[in-house]
Amino acid sequence: MNRPEQRALARRTLLAGAAAGVGSMWVGAGKAAADRGRGPVTQAAVDAEVARVERRLIALRRDLHLHPEAPGQERRTAAVVARELRAAGLTVTTGVGGHGVVGVLRGARPGRTVAYRADMDAVPPTDIVGTGPALDHVCGHDLHTAVAVGVAVVLARLREHVSGTVVFIFQPAEETLSGARAVIDTGVLERLGVEEIHALHCGPFPVGQFAVLPGYGMPGQDKAEVTLSGPNAADAARALAADIGSLATVTPPQSPADLERLVEDALTPDGPLTRFLAIRAVAQEAKVSVSYRCWPQERYLEVREAIRRAAAPYAGAVVRFPSEPFPALLCPERETRLLARHLRRTLGRDTVVTLHAAFPPFSGEDFALYMNRLPGTYTFLGVRAPDAPITTSYPHFPDFSPHEQAIGTGVRAMAGWIAERTHKG
């Protein structure tokens, strides 16, 4: 069977599973099926509710996977999310920052207001490693959305035990780094009084495991343009592109072994990714287009100066930086360590590993814009199946195929964590 036939069969199988589970109401939505005493939410109660809804969440993820939508075009996904949140009893607002959806769950007890964010868009073909044939959910946003719906449903079913308010933000256009800004600009965070915000992202770690990044996160991005003049400008541009490219301290992975090494480097204290520069320079006629990511982000000024120095020997070179760098995502140490402690206590000591570097160095994350305004956490959710190639769990690779067991794991972790944060902070 060739690959197109395999993909068609996989889509038919997914569709059959999705059709069986999506479209019904959440049974018991808004009513705690666990112990109805007066205590706060317990992990045992969360686990019991997750067991009741996990199959439906898997079906939801499969449905979303079959209908990928481009950044800024998430109409169907938003409609599905809004339907599920309303069925669970949340107050829902649509059209937030484009096709964003905000669901509000108010607990029965006083407490703090905490947000949880999930991104909804799929990856355009040009952003799939090796360039894919079509738009596809190869960054796990369909799984992120299913986890967030699951957290909302579980906490809604335990509403009588929930303190404070939980704000669920389903964000459009993360892949273009524009959705977070659009949502923030609506004023929703201020209007609802959000005090902190949290998120998960699929990562190349064993299913059942979480990777935390205290003091680290994901790099931002900066861009430069260099124009050259003179009769040999095209040749000079190619030479300059090579000079600028040589500034890189880390290069994109070319093989699964390279990916495995990146993960190992990120887990190594004082390893090679603690400080890095990933840079790409492309010559087109008499122009060199440069994009780069670095860590720490304070290095932007240093890298800009290095680009200027590289261009200086070339006659007529004009260097321009068209915009301010997109900020890096920096995970606060205090909140991240609190989350790690919570996960080890509730899900097991071996469920958490600590990254000692920004990871991965070749992509950004607009959750950075929330974290620049609010404390919170950003954590990698392990989605790698046992014995599976690393490319099946590394976002943007064409064979990305996260283990669906990660959905229930993510819901168990985040429902318990969010309930704790609204309860006492």
Protein backbone atom coordinates (compact mmCIF):
# COMPACT_ATOMS: atom_id res chain seq x y z
CA MET A 1 0.00 0.00 0.00
CA ASN A 2 1.50 3.37 -0.96
CA ARG A 3 1.59 6.38 1.39
CA PRO A 4 -1.43 8.24 -0.13
CA GLU A 5 -3.51 5.08 0.26
CA GLN A 6 -2.30 4.65 3.84
CA ARG A 7 -3.24 8.25 4.67
CA ALA A 8 -6.67 7.83 3.07
CA LEU A 9 -7.29 4.66 5.09
CA ALA A 10 -6.13 6.39 8.27
CA ARG A 11 -8.49 9.31 7.62
CA ARG A 12 -11.43 6.92 7.04
CA THR A 13 -10.60 5.12 10.29
CA LEU A 14 -10.39 8.41 12.17
CA LEU A 15 -13.65 9.56 10.64
CA ALA A 16 -15.45 6.41 11.74
CA GLY A 17 -14.17 6.84 15.29
CA ALA A 18 -15.00 10.54 15.33
CA ALA A 19 -18.51 10.07 13.99
CA ALA A 20 -19.25 7.63 16.81
CA GLY A 21 -18.28 10.09 19.55
CA VAL A 22 -18.75 13.70 18.45
CA GLY A 23 -22.03 15.55 18.52
CA SER A 24 -23.63 14.19 21.70
CA MET A 25 -24.01 16.23 24.87
CA TRP A 26 -21.63 15.76 27.78
CA VAL A 27 -23.48 13.40 30.10
CA GLY A 28 -23.85 15.01 33.47
CA ALA A 29 -22.29 18.29 32.40
CA GLY A 30 -22.21 20.77 35.26
CA LYS A 31 -22.95 18.10 37.90
CA ALA A 32 -20.20 16.50 39.92
CA ALA A 33 -20.45 12.77 39.56
CA ALA A 34 -17.85 12.23 42.26
CA ASP A 35 -18.21 12.82 46.00
CA ARG A 36 -20.41 15.85 46.61
CA GLY A 37 -18.94 16.87 49.97
CA ARG A 38 -17.79 20.37 50.77
CA GLY A 39 -14.05 19.90 50.27
CA PRO A 40 -12.01 21.36 47.38
CA VAL A 41 -11.34 19.49 44.16
CA THR A 42 -9.23 16.39 44.76
CA GLN A 43 -7.06 14.56 42.28
CA ALA A 44 -9.11 11.42 42.89
CA ALA A 45 -12.26 13.27 41.80
CA VAL A 46 -10.48 14.65 38.72
CA ASP A 47 -9.21 11.19 37.77
CA ALA A 48 -12.69 9.71 38.10
CA GLU A 49 -14.21 12.35 35.82
CA VAL A 50 -11.43 11.98 33.25
CA ALA A 51 -12.11 8.25 33.10
CA ARG A 52 -15.75 9.02 32.29
CA VAL A 53 -15.05 11.43 29.41
CA GLU A 54 -11.70 10.30 28.01
CA ARG A 55 -13.10 8.28 25.10
CA ARG A 56 -15.22 11.20 24.01
CA LEU A 57 -12.23 13.54 24.14
CA ILE A 58 -10.29 11.16 21.90
CA ALA A 59 -13.21 11.19 19.47
CA LEU A 60 -13.24 15.00 19.59
CA ARG A 61 -9.54 15.16 18.78
CA ARG A 62 -10.01 12.77 15.86
CA ASP A 63 -12.81 14.92 14.49
CA LEU A 64 -10.67 18.07 14.70
CA HIS A 65 -7.75 16.24 13.12
CA LEU A 66 -9.86 15.44 10.08
CA HIS A 67 -10.77 19.11 9.58
CA PRO A 68 -7.54 21.14 9.85
CA GLU A 69 -7.95 24.87 9.36
CA ALA A 70 -5.30 27.43 8.46
CA PRO A 71 -4.19 30.16 10.87
CA GLY A 72 -6.96 32.75 11.06
CA GLN A 73 -9.47 30.44 9.33
CA GLU A 74 -10.56 28.30 12.30
CA ARG A 75 -14.31 28.70 11.76
CA ARG A 76 -15.36 25.07 12.10
CA THR A 77 -12.97 24.35 14.96
CA ALA A 78 -14.25 27.38 16.85
CA ALA A 79 -17.85 26.30 16.32
CA VAL A 80 -17.12 22.79 17.61
CA VAL A 81 -15.32 24.17 20.66
CA ALA A 82 -18.12 26.63 21.43
CA ARG A 83 -20.69 23.83 21.16
CA GLU A 84 -18.78 21.59 23.55
CA LEU A 85 -18.23 24.35 26.12
CA ARG A 86 -21.89 25.35 26.09
CA ALA A 87 -22.88 21.70 26.50
CA ALA A 88 -20.68 21.60 29.60
CA GLY A 89 -22.43 24.67 31.03
CA LEU A 90 -19.80 27.36 30.48
CA THR A 91 -20.51 30.95 29.46
CA VAL A 92 -19.11 31.23 25.94
CA THR A 93 -17.99 34.16 23.78
CA THR A 94 -16.98 33.64 20.16
CA GLY A 95 -15.20 35.85 17.64
CA VAL A 96 -12.49 36.85 20.14
CA GLY A 97 -9.47 38.15 18.25
CA GLY A 98 -10.70 36.53 15.05
CA HIS A 99 -12.09 33.04 15.51
CA GLY A 100 -11.05 32.78 19.15
CA VAL A 101 -13.40 31.26 21.72
CA VAL A 102 -13.49 32.14 25.41
CA GLY A 103 -15.33 29.96 27.90
CA VAL A 104 -15.85 31.04 31.50
CA LEU A 105 -16.45 28.61 34.34
CA ARG A 106 -17.40 30.13 37.70
CA GLY A 107 -16.91 27.82 40.64
CA ALA A 108 -19.25 27.57 43.59
CA ARG A 109 -16.65 28.99 45.98
CA PRO A 110 -14.76 32.28 46.05
CA GLY A 111 -11.25 32.20 44.70
CA ARG A 112 -8.83 33.51 42.08
CA THR A 113 -9.27 33.90 38.31
CA VAL A 114 -6.94 31.70 36.28
CA ALA A 115 -6.79 31.20 32.51
CA TYR A 116 -5.92 28.17 30.43
CA ARG A 117 -5.03 28.57 26.77
CA ALA A 118 -5.11 26.19 23.81
CA ASP A 119 -4.26 26.96 20.18
CA MET A 120 -6.55 25.69 17.40
CA ASP A 121 -4.92 26.22 14.00
CA ALA A 122 -3.17 23.67 11.80
CA VAL A 123 0.25 23.89 10.13
CA PRO A 124 0.42 25.27 6.57
CA PRO A 125 2.19 23.00 4.05
CA THR A 126 5.18 25.31 3.75
CA ASP A 127 5.83 25.04 7.51
CA ILE A 128 5.91 21.25 7.56
CA VAL A 129 9.45 19.86 7.57
CA GLY A 130 10.32 19.00 3.98
CA THR A 131 7.15 20.85 2.87
CA GLY A 132 3.96 18.85 3.23
CA PRO A 133 1.31 18.11 0.62
CA ALA A 134 -1.49 19.89 2.48
CA LEU A 135 -2.55 21.72 5.61
CA ASP A 136 -2.22 19.30 8.53
CA HIS A 137 -2.38 19.09 12.33
CA VAL A 138 1.29 18.22 12.76
CA CYS A 139 1.88 20.55 15.71
CA GLY A 140 -0.70 18.95 17.97
CA HIS A 141 -3.12 21.85 18.23
CA ASP A 142 -6.02 19.44 17.74
CA LEU A 143 -4.79 17.55 20.80
CA HIS A 144 -4.25 20.79 22.73
CA THR A 145 -7.85 21.76 21.99
CA ALA A 146 -9.17 18.38 23.11
CA VAL A 147 -7.20 18.63 26.37
CA ALA A 148 -8.54 22.12 27.07
CA VAL A 149 -12.13 21.05 26.38
CA GLY A 150 -11.50 18.12 28.71
CA VAL A 151 -10.25 20.36 31.51
CA ALA A 152 -13.33 22.55 31.07
CA VAL A 153 -15.70 19.58 31.13
CA VAL A 154 -14.07 17.94 34.15
CA LEU A 155 -14.05 21.11 36.22
CA ALA A 156 -17.62 21.90 35.16
CA ARG A 157 -18.70 18.48 36.42
CA LEU A 158 -16.92 19.30 39.71
CA ARG A 159 -18.19 22.89 39.81
CA GLU A 160 -19.53 22.64 43.37
CA HIS A 161 -15.96 21.94 44.55
CA VAL A 162 -14.24 24.55 42.34
CA SER A 163 -13.04 27.85 43.80
CA GLY A 164 -12.83 31.04 41.78
CA THR A 165 -13.13 31.38 38.02
CA VAL A 166 -11.45 29.55 35.16
CA VAL A 167 -11.15 31.32 31.80
CA PHE A 168 -10.54 29.01 28.84
CA ILE A 169 -8.95 30.73 25.84
CA PHE A 170 -9.07 28.85 22.54
CA GLN A 171 -6.75 30.90 20.39
CA PRO A 172 -6.54 31.23 16.61
CA ALA A 173 -3.46 31.85 14.46
CA GLU A 174 -0.64 30.66 16.68
CA GLU A 175 1.37 29.40 13.71
CA THR A 176 1.63 32.93 12.34
CA LEU A 177 2.43 34.36 15.80
CA SER A 178 -0.51 36.73 15.43
CA GLY A 179 -3.36 35.13 17.38
CA ALA A 180 -2.21 35.88 20.91
CA ARG A 181 -1.82 39.59 20.14
CA ALA A 182 -5.28 39.69 18.58
CA VAL A 183 -6.85 38.03 21.63
CA ILE A 184 -4.97 40.24 24.09
CA ASP A 185 -5.95 43.38 22.18
CA THR A 186 -9.64 42.62 22.79
CA GLY A 187 -9.03 43.37 26.48
CA VAL A 188 -10.42 39.99 27.56
CA LEU A 189 -7.68 39.39 30.14
CA GLU A 190 -8.36 42.69 31.90
CA ARG A 191 -12.13 42.45 31.52
CA LEU A 192 -12.27 39.07 33.21
CA GLY A 193 -9.58 39.89 35.77
CA VAL A 194 -7.23 37.06 34.80
CA GLU A 195 -4.43 36.72 37.36
CA GLU A 196 -2.30 34.03 35.71
CA ILE A 197 -2.33 31.76 32.64
CA HIS A 198 -1.21 28.22 31.80
CA ALA A 199 -0.73 26.03 28.72
CA LEU A 200 0.56 22.68 27.49
CA HIS A 201 2.27 21.84 24.20
CA CYS A 202 2.96 18.46 22.64
CA GLY A 203 6.59 17.44 22.94
CA PRO A 204 8.94 14.54 22.04
CA PHE A 205 8.86 12.95 25.46
CA PRO A 206 7.37 9.61 26.52
CA VAL A 207 3.60 9.63 26.89
CA GLY A 208 2.76 10.11 30.56
CA GLN A 209 5.71 12.45 31.08
CA PHE A 210 5.90 16.25 31.33
CA ALA A 211 8.90 18.48 30.64
CA VAL A 212 9.13 21.75 32.58
CA LEU A 213 11.36 24.71 31.74
CA PRO A 214 12.07 26.84 34.86
CA GLY A 215 13.87 29.97 33.73
CA TYR A 216 13.84 28.86 30.11
CA GLY A 217 11.16 28.51 27.44
CA MET A 218 11.15 29.02 23.70
CA PRO A 219 13.12 31.56 21.66
CA GLY A 220 11.65 34.57 19.96
CA GLN A 221 12.60 35.68 16.46
CA ASP A 222 14.30 38.60 14.76
CA LYS A 223 14.66 39.43 11.07
CA ALA A 224 17.04 41.51 8.98
CA GLU A 225 17.32 42.56 5.35
CA VAL A 226 20.58 43.50 3.66
CA THR A 227 20.59 45.11 0.22
CA LEU A 228 23.72 45.36 -1.88
CA SER A 229 24.56 47.46 -4.92
CA GLY A 230 27.02 47.40 -7.78
CA PRO A 231 27.56 45.20 -10.83
CA ASN A 232 28.46 42.11 -8.75
CA ALA A 233 25.69 42.56 -6.20
CA ALA A 234 24.13 39.12 -6.76
CA ASP A 235 27.45 37.32 -6.24
CA ALA A 236 28.16 39.50 -3.21
CA ALA A 237 24.74 38.66 -1.75
CA ARG A 238 25.45 34.93 -1.99
CA ALA A 239 28.81 35.39 -0.28
CA LEU A 240 27.29 37.55 2.45
CA ALA A 241 24.52 35.00 3.06
CA ALA A 242 27.20 32.37 3.67
CA ASP A 243 29.08 34.71 6.03
CA ILE A 244 25.95 35.44 8.06
CA GLY A 245 24.95 31.78 8.10
CA SER A 246 28.31 30.86 9.58
CA LEU A 247 27.38 32.76 12.75
CA ALA A 248 25.04 29.92 13.75
CA THR A 249 25.98 27.78 16.73
CA VAL A 250 23.21 25.25 16.11
CA THR A 251 21.78 23.97 12.84
CA PRO A 252 18.41 22.45 11.96
CA PRO A 253 18.26 18.68 12.55
CA GLN A 254 18.71 16.55 9.45
CA SER A 255 17.94 13.13 10.90
CA PRO A 256 16.14 11.41 13.79
CA ALA A 257 19.53 11.06 15.47
CA ASP A 258 19.90 14.86 15.36
CA LEU A 259 16.49 15.23 17.04
CA GLU A 260 17.42 12.76 19.76
CA ARG A 261 20.59 14.74 20.38
CA LEU A 262 18.64 18.01 20.63
CA VAL A 263 16.40 16.52 23.29
CA GLU A 264 19.38 15.15 25.18
CA ASP A 265 21.14 18.52 24.97
CA ALA A 266 18.08 20.29 26.37
CA LEU A 267 18.02 17.90 29.33
CA THR A 268 21.70 18.59 30.08
CA PRO A 269 22.55 21.29 32.66
CA ASP A 270 24.96 23.84 31.16
CA GLY A 271 24.64 22.04 27.83
CA PRO A 272 25.13 23.43 24.32
CA LEU A 273 21.57 24.80 24.09
CA THR A 274 21.89 26.95 27.20
CA ARG A 275 23.18 29.66 24.86
CA PHE A 276 22.67 29.37 21.12
CA LEU A 277 22.09 31.11 17.81
CA ALA A 278 20.07 29.53 15.01
CA ILE A 279 20.24 31.71 11.90
CA ARG A 280 19.10 31.42 8.29
CA ALA A 281 20.31 33.76 5.54
CA VAL A 282 18.98 33.51 1.97
CA ALA A 283 20.29 35.47 -1.02
CA GLN A 284 17.87 36.62 -3.72
CA GLU A 285 19.39 38.77 -6.43
CA ALA A 286 21.03 41.68 -4.59
CA LYS A 287 19.26 41.10 -1.28
CA VAL A 288 19.90 38.86 1.73
CA SER A 289 16.95 37.96 3.96
CA VAL A 290 17.90 36.89 7.47
CA SER A 291 15.85 35.31 10.23
CA TYR A 292 17.27 34.07 13.48
CA ARG A 293 16.44 32.84 16.97
CA CYS A 294 18.78 33.04 19.92
CA TRP A 295 18.98 32.40 23.62
CA PRO A 296 18.98 34.29 25.83
CA GLN A 297 16.91 36.94 24.12
CA GLU A 298 19.21 39.69 25.41
CA ARG A 299 21.56 38.52 22.65
CA TYR A 300 19.43 40.22 20.00
CA LEU A 301 21.54 43.37 20.19
CA GLU A 302 24.73 41.32 20.00
CA VAL A 303 23.51 39.37 16.97
CA ARG A 304 22.33 42.50 15.20
CA GLU A 305 25.78 43.99 15.63
CA ALA A 306 27.35 40.78 14.29
CA ILE A 307 25.17 41.00 11.17
CA ARG A 308 26.21 44.62 10.65
CA ARG A 309 29.88 43.65 10.98
CA ALA A 310 29.46 40.82 8.48
CA ALA A 311 27.90 43.22 5.97
CA ALA A 312 30.36 46.08 6.50
CA PRO A 313 33.07 44.86 4.05
CA TYR A 314 30.56 44.64 1.19
CA ALA A 315 30.33 47.80 -0.90
CA GLY A 316 27.01 49.60 -0.67
CA ALA A 317 25.54 47.22 1.93
CA VAL A 318 22.50 48.61 3.71
CA VAL A 319 21.30 46.66 6.75
CA ARG A 320 17.72 47.05 7.93
CA PHE A 321 15.81 45.44 10.80
CA PRO A 322 12.17 45.87 9.79
CA SER A 323 10.63 45.38 13.24
CA GLU A 324 11.34 44.78 16.87
CA PRO A 325 12.22 41.15 17.70
CA PHE A 326 9.32 38.89 18.59
CA PRO A 327 9.80 38.14 22.29
CA ALA A 328 10.97 34.86 23.71
CA LEU A 329 8.71 32.79 25.93
CA LEU A 330 10.27 32.75 29.39
CA CYS A 331 8.81 30.39 31.99
CA PRO A 332 8.87 31.90 35.51
CA GLU A 333 10.91 29.75 37.87
CA ARG A 334 8.57 29.99 40.87
CA GLU A 335 5.36 28.93 39.12
CA THR A 336 7.14 26.28 37.06
CA ARG A 337 8.68 24.64 40.11
CA LEU A 338 5.32 24.73 41.90
CA LEU A 339 3.74 22.93 38.93
CA ALA A 340 6.53 20.33 38.86
CA ARG A 341 5.98 19.67 42.57
CA HIS A 342 2.22 19.38 42.02
CA LEU A 343 2.64 16.90 39.16
CA ARG A 344 5.09 14.74 41.08
CA ARG A 345 2.80 14.70 44.09
CA THR A 346 -0.41 13.91 42.21
CA LEU A 347 0.72 11.87 39.20
CA GLY A 348 3.99 10.32 40.36
CA ARG A 349 7.63 11.22 40.98
CA ASP A 350 8.76 10.01 37.56
CA THR A 351 6.24 12.07 35.57
CA VAL A 352 8.40 15.21 35.36
CA VAL A 353 11.73 15.96 33.71
CA THR A 354 13.41 19.36 33.73
CA LEU A 355 14.77 21.07 30.64
CA HIS A 356 17.85 23.21 31.14
CA ALA A 357 17.65 25.11 27.86
CA ALA A 358 15.24 26.89 25.56
CA PHE A 359 13.63 24.22 23.42
CA PRO A 360 13.35 23.71 20.54
CA PRO A 361 15.65 26.36 19.01
CA PHE A 362 13.92 26.42 15.62
CA SER A 363 10.42 27.62 16.41
CA GLY A 364 8.69 30.31 18.45
CA GLU A 365 5.48 30.50 20.43
CA ASP A 366 3.15 33.47 20.80
CA PHE A 367 2.17 32.34 24.29
CA ALA A 368 5.16 34.57 25.07
CA LEU A 369 2.86 37.59 24.79
CA TYR A 370 0.63 36.29 27.59
CA MET A 371 3.63 35.47 29.75
CA ASN A 372 4.97 38.99 29.29
CA ARG A 373 1.81 40.22 31.02
CA LEU A 374 0.96 37.49 33.53
CA PRO A 375 2.67 34.82 35.60
CA GLY A 376 1.93 31.24 34.67
CA THR A 377 3.37 28.05 33.22
CA TYR A 378 4.10 26.53 29.83
CA THR A 379 4.87 22.82 29.83
CA PHE A 380 5.62 20.13 27.29
CA LEU A 381 3.19 17.20 27.34
CA GLY A 382 4.88 13.96 26.32
CA VAL A 383 3.16 12.39 23.31
CA ARG A 384 5.76 9.85 22.15
CA ALA A 385 4.45 6.31 21.96
CA PRO A 386 6.69 3.49 23.24
CA ASP A 387 9.31 2.51 20.64
CA ALA A 388 7.98 5.08 18.15
CA PRO A 389 10.42 7.15 16.04
CA ILE A 390 11.04 10.59 17.53
CA THR A 391 9.65 12.25 14.39
CA THR A 392 6.18 10.97 15.35
CA SER A 393 6.25 13.20 18.43
CA TYR A 394 8.32 16.15 17.21
CA PRO A 395 6.03 18.97 16.00
CA HIS A 396 6.04 19.96 12.32
CA PHE A 397 7.41 16.65 11.06
CA PRO A 398 5.16 15.07 8.42
CA ASP A 399 4.73 11.81 10.34
CA PHE A 400 3.81 13.57 13.60
CA SER A 401 1.33 11.25 15.29
CA PRO A 402 0.87 11.88 19.04
CA HIS A 403 -0.21 9.05 21.29
CA GLU A 404 -3.85 9.69 22.21
CA GLN A 405 -3.28 8.49 25.77
CA ALA A 406 -1.66 11.90 26.27
CA ILE A 407 -5.10 13.54 26.14
CA GLY A 408 -6.29 11.97 29.37
CA THR A 409 -2.89 12.54 30.97
CA GLY A 410 -2.99 16.22 30.05
CA VAL A 411 -6.52 16.66 31.37
CA ARG A 412 -5.69 14.94 34.67
CA ALA A 413 -2.66 17.17 35.13
CA MET A 414 -4.16 20.50 34.15
CA ALA A 415 -7.60 20.08 35.76
CA GLY A 416 -5.95 19.35 39.09
CA TRP A 417 -3.40 22.14 38.66
CA ILE A 418 -5.91 24.78 37.61
CA ALA A 419 -8.23 23.86 40.48
CA GLU A 420 -5.31 24.29 42.87
CA ARG A 421 -4.36 27.67 41.41
CA THR A 422 -7.89 29.10 41.63
CA HIS A 423 -8.20 27.75 45.17
CA LYS A 424 -5.14 29.28 46.80
CA GLY A 425 -2.65 30.61 44.25
